[in-house]
Amino acid sequence: MAASERALTLTTTAALAAEDIKAENIVALDVSEHMPLADVFLIVSGTNERQVGAIIDEIERKLHEQGAKALRREGIRGGRWAILDFNDLIVHVMHQEDRAYYELERLWKDCPVVPLPLGAAPAE
């Protein structure tokens, strides 16, 4: 079973929103085969707590425009590792130091990477 079209659409929107705020190392993993609670994990890094907060805000704003609201939000105030659960999509916004320490990609290495259209956004 592969990720649903809705999950892939939300993932693309969230990834582009994170890219707009200069998030780093944006990776999406199709976890649908291994996890019954979500189809995709989107993992992004911020360089400091303020940027992590800005990335969270922008992702939520863009997904809200598509009618998606986070069912659960954890770690928002700390600015180190926030989790946004949009049901089909779970977004991990992590401070780059915490991301290097926890290595989520290594833990989910059996999951295929979801291609993202990053760097394709037109300049304004």
C-alpha atoms as a PDB file:
ATOM      1  CA  MET A   1       0.000   0.000   0.000  1.00  0.00           C
ATOM      2  CA  ALA A   2       1.411   3.372  -0.991  1.00  0.00           C
ATOM      3  CA  ALA A   3       0.697   6.810   0.420  1.00  0.00           C
ATOM      4  CA  SER A   4      -2.676   8.283  -0.540  1.00  0.00           C
ATOM      5  CA  GLU A   5      -3.003  11.106  -3.044  1.00  0.00           C
ATOM      6  CA  ARG A   6      -4.257  13.389  -0.264  1.00  0.00           C
ATOM      7  CA  ALA A   7      -1.193  12.615   1.849  1.00  0.00           C
ATOM      8  CA  LEU A   8       1.106  13.326  -1.096  1.00  0.00           C
ATOM      9  CA  THR A   9      -0.674  16.611  -1.856  1.00  0.00           C
ATOM     10  CA  LEU A  10      -0.420  17.724   1.777  1.00  0.00           C
ATOM     11  CA  THR A  11       3.229  16.656   1.858  1.00  0.00           C
ATOM     12  CA  THR A  12       4.094  18.738  -1.191  1.00  0.00           C
ATOM     13  CA  THR A  13       2.288  21.780   0.214  1.00  0.00           C
ATOM     14  CA  ALA A  14       3.991  21.427   3.601  1.00  0.00           C
ATOM     15  CA  ALA A  15       7.425  20.899   2.038  1.00  0.00           C
ATOM     16  CA  LEU A  16       7.078  23.985  -0.142  1.00  0.00           C
ATOM     17  CA  ALA A  17       5.867  26.011   2.864  1.00  0.00           C
ATOM     18  CA  ALA A  18       8.937  24.895   4.835  1.00  0.00           C
ATOM     19  CA  GLU A  19      11.171  25.740   1.889  1.00  0.00           C
ATOM     20  CA  ASP A  20       9.666  29.259   1.800  1.00  0.00           C
ATOM     21  CA  ILE A  21      10.944  29.765   5.375  1.00  0.00           C
ATOM     22  CA  LYS A  22      14.398  28.447   4.416  1.00  0.00           C
ATOM     23  CA  ALA A  23      14.040  25.071   6.161  1.00  0.00           C
ATOM     24  CA  GLU A  24      16.938  22.739   5.530  1.00  0.00           C
ATOM     25  CA  ASN A  25      17.254  19.062   4.676  1.00  0.00           C
ATOM     26  CA  ILE A  26      13.593  18.524   3.727  1.00  0.00           C
ATOM     27  CA  VAL A  27      12.832  14.811   3.433  1.00  0.00           C
ATOM     28  CA  ALA A  28       9.533  12.952   3.023  1.00  0.00           C
ATOM     29  CA  LEU A  29       9.239   9.234   3.747  1.00  0.00           C
ATOM     30  CA  ASP A  30       6.366   6.972   2.740  1.00  0.00           C
ATOM     31  CA  VAL A  31       5.670   5.128   6.012  1.00  0.00           C
ATOM     32  CA  SER A  32       2.331   3.654   4.911  1.00  0.00           C
ATOM     33  CA  GLU A  33       3.690   0.088   4.820  1.00  0.00           C
ATOM     34  CA  HIS A  34       5.155   0.295   8.320  1.00  0.00           C
ATOM     35  CA  MET A  35       2.824   2.566  10.265  1.00  0.00           C
ATOM     36  CA  PRO A  36      -0.973   2.404  10.364  1.00  0.00           C
ATOM     37  CA  LEU A  37      -1.337   5.944  11.768  1.00  0.00           C
ATOM     38  CA  ALA A  38       0.040   7.923   8.832  1.00  0.00           C
ATOM     39  CA  ASP A  39       1.081   7.639   5.204  1.00  0.00           C
ATOM     40  CA  VAL A  40       3.965  10.121   5.139  1.00  0.00           C
ATOM     41  CA  PHE A  41       6.518  11.558   7.531  1.00  0.00           C
ATOM     42  CA  LEU A  42       7.862  14.955   6.486  1.00  0.00           C
ATOM     43  CA  ILE A  43      11.068  15.845   8.311  1.00  0.00           C
ATOM     44  CA  VAL A  44      12.534  19.354   8.112  1.00  0.00           C
ATOM     45  CA  SER A  45      15.221  21.233   9.996  1.00  0.00           C
ATOM     46  CA  GLY A  46      15.532  24.765  11.277  1.00  0.00           C
ATOM     47  CA  THR A  47      18.774  26.393  12.354  1.00  0.00           C
ATOM     48  CA  ASN A  48      17.374  27.937  15.551  1.00  0.00           C
ATOM     49  CA  GLU A  49      14.274  27.916  17.753  1.00  0.00           C
ATOM     50  CA  ARG A  50      12.765  30.989  16.113  1.00  0.00           C
ATOM     51  CA  GLN A  51      13.076  29.489  12.644  1.00  0.00           C
ATOM     52  CA  VAL A  52      11.550  26.205  13.846  1.00  0.00           C
ATOM     53  CA  GLY A  53       8.543  28.215  15.080  1.00  0.00           C
ATOM     54  CA  ALA A  54       8.275  30.115  11.804  1.00  0.00           C
ATOM     55  CA  ILE A  55       8.378  26.867   9.804  1.00  0.00           C
ATOM     56  CA  ILE A  56       5.605  25.404  11.977  1.00  0.00           C
ATOM     57  CA  ASP A  57       3.441  28.500  11.519  1.00  0.00           C
ATOM     58  CA  GLU A  58       3.888  28.542   7.735  1.00  0.00           C
ATOM     59  CA  ILE A  59       3.161  24.830   7.313  1.00  0.00           C
ATOM     60  CA  GLU A  60       0.003  25.130   9.406  1.00  0.00           C
ATOM     61  CA  ARG A  61      -1.110  28.223   7.498  1.00  0.00           C
ATOM     62  CA  LYS A  62      -0.608  26.646   4.069  1.00  0.00           C
ATOM     63  CA  LEU A  63      -2.270  23.362   5.018  1.00  0.00           C
ATOM     64  CA  HIS A  64      -5.183  25.232   6.617  1.00  0.00           C
ATOM     65  CA  GLU A  65      -5.730  26.895   3.221  1.00  0.00           C
ATOM     66  CA  GLN A  66      -6.221  23.367   1.849  1.00  0.00           C
ATOM     67  CA  GLY A  67      -8.697  22.499   4.580  1.00  0.00           C
ATOM     68  CA  ALA A  68      -6.272  20.482   6.712  1.00  0.00           C
ATOM     69  CA  LYS A  69      -5.913  21.177  10.406  1.00  0.00           C
ATOM     70  CA  ALA A  70      -3.428  19.529  12.749  1.00  0.00           C
ATOM     71  CA  LEU A  71      -5.234  16.974  14.901  1.00  0.00           C
ATOM     72  CA  ARG A  72      -2.381  17.010  17.412  1.00  0.00           C
ATOM     73  CA  ARG A  73       0.522  19.384  18.006  1.00  0.00           C
ATOM     74  CA  GLU A  74       3.435  18.514  20.300  1.00  0.00           C
ATOM     75  CA  GLY A  75       6.588  20.406  21.231  1.00  0.00           C
ATOM     76  CA  ILE A  76       5.502  23.672  19.624  1.00  0.00           C
ATOM     77  CA  ARG A  77       6.681  25.965  22.421  1.00  0.00           C
ATOM     78  CA  GLY A  78      10.119  24.420  22.862  1.00  0.00           C
ATOM     79  CA  GLY A  79      11.354  25.192  19.358  1.00  0.00           C
ATOM     80  CA  ARG A  80      13.515  22.070  19.283  1.00  0.00           C
ATOM     81  CA  TRP A  81      11.324  19.271  17.919  1.00  0.00           C
ATOM     82  CA  ALA A  82       7.699  19.848  17.026  1.00  0.00           C
ATOM     83  CA  ILE A  83       5.316  17.240  15.679  1.00  0.00           C
ATOM     84  CA  LEU A  84       2.228  18.191  13.689  1.00  0.00           C
ATOM     85  CA  ASP A  85      -0.224  15.372  13.036  1.00  0.00           C
ATOM     86  CA  PHE A  86      -2.452  15.948  10.006  1.00  0.00           C
ATOM     87  CA  ASN A  87      -3.702  12.328  10.075  1.00  0.00           C
ATOM     88  CA  ASP A  88      -2.284  11.154   6.709  1.00  0.00           C
ATOM     89  CA  LEU A  89       0.804  13.334   7.171  1.00  0.00           C
ATOM     90  CA  ILE A  90       2.973  13.733  10.244  1.00  0.00           C
ATOM     91  CA  VAL A  91       5.399  16.650  10.108  1.00  0.00           C
ATOM     92  CA  HIS A  92       8.544  16.690  12.237  1.00  0.00           C
ATOM     93  CA  VAL A  93      10.097  20.155  12.462  1.00  0.00           C
ATOM     94  CA  MET A  94      13.407  19.782  14.249  1.00  0.00           C
ATOM     95  CA  HIS A  95      16.287  21.964  15.311  1.00  0.00           C
ATOM     96  CA  GLN A  96      19.227  20.797  13.202  1.00  0.00           C
ATOM     97  CA  GLU A  97      21.185  19.647  16.292  1.00  0.00           C
ATOM     98  CA  ASP A  98      18.299  17.463  17.496  1.00  0.00           C
ATOM     99  CA  ARG A  99      17.795  16.063  14.022  1.00  0.00           C
ATOM    100  CA  ALA A 100      21.429  15.030  13.817  1.00  0.00           C
ATOM    101  CA  TYR A 101      21.164  13.385  17.226  1.00  0.00           C
ATOM    102  CA  TYR A 102      17.927  11.420  16.683  1.00  0.00           C
ATOM    103  CA  GLU A 103      18.511  10.505  13.003  1.00  0.00           C
ATOM    104  CA  LEU A 104      14.873   9.751  12.153  1.00  0.00           C
ATOM    105  CA  GLU A 105      15.813   8.906   8.582  1.00  0.00           C
ATOM    106  CA  ARG A 106      18.016   6.086   9.864  1.00  0.00           C
ATOM    107  CA  LEU A 107      15.178   4.730  12.013  1.00  0.00           C
ATOM    108  CA  TRP A 108      12.839   4.699   8.998  1.00  0.00           C
ATOM    109  CA  LYS A 109      15.481   3.690   6.408  1.00  0.00           C
ATOM    110  CA  ASP A 110      13.268   0.887   5.047  1.00  0.00           C
ATOM    111  CA  CYS A 111      10.700   3.429   3.873  1.00  0.00           C
ATOM    112  CA  PRO A 112      10.844   4.871   0.356  1.00  0.00           C
ATOM    113  CA  VAL A 113      11.615   8.548  -0.087  1.00  0.00           C
ATOM    114  CA  VAL A 114       8.773  10.627  -1.521  1.00  0.00           C
ATOM    115  CA  PRO A 115      10.012  12.885  -4.344  1.00  0.00           C
ATOM    116  CA  LEU A 116       9.413  16.573  -3.660  1.00  0.00           C
ATOM    117  CA  PRO A 117       9.361  19.490  -6.141  1.00  0.00           C
ATOM    118  CA  LEU A 118      11.736  21.619  -4.087  1.00  0.00           C
ATOM    119  CA  GLY A 119      13.655  24.475  -5.608  1.00  0.00           C
ATOM    120  CA  ALA A 120      10.940  24.765  -8.263  1.00  0.00           C
ATOM    121  CA  ALA A 121       9.106  27.677  -6.663  1.00  0.00           C
ATOM    122  CA  PRO A 122       9.227  30.796  -8.863  1.00  0.00           C
ATOM    123  CA  ALA A 123      11.054  33.823  -7.531  1.00  0.00           C
ATOM    124  CA  GLU A 124       8.790  36.689  -6.501  1.00  0.00           C
END
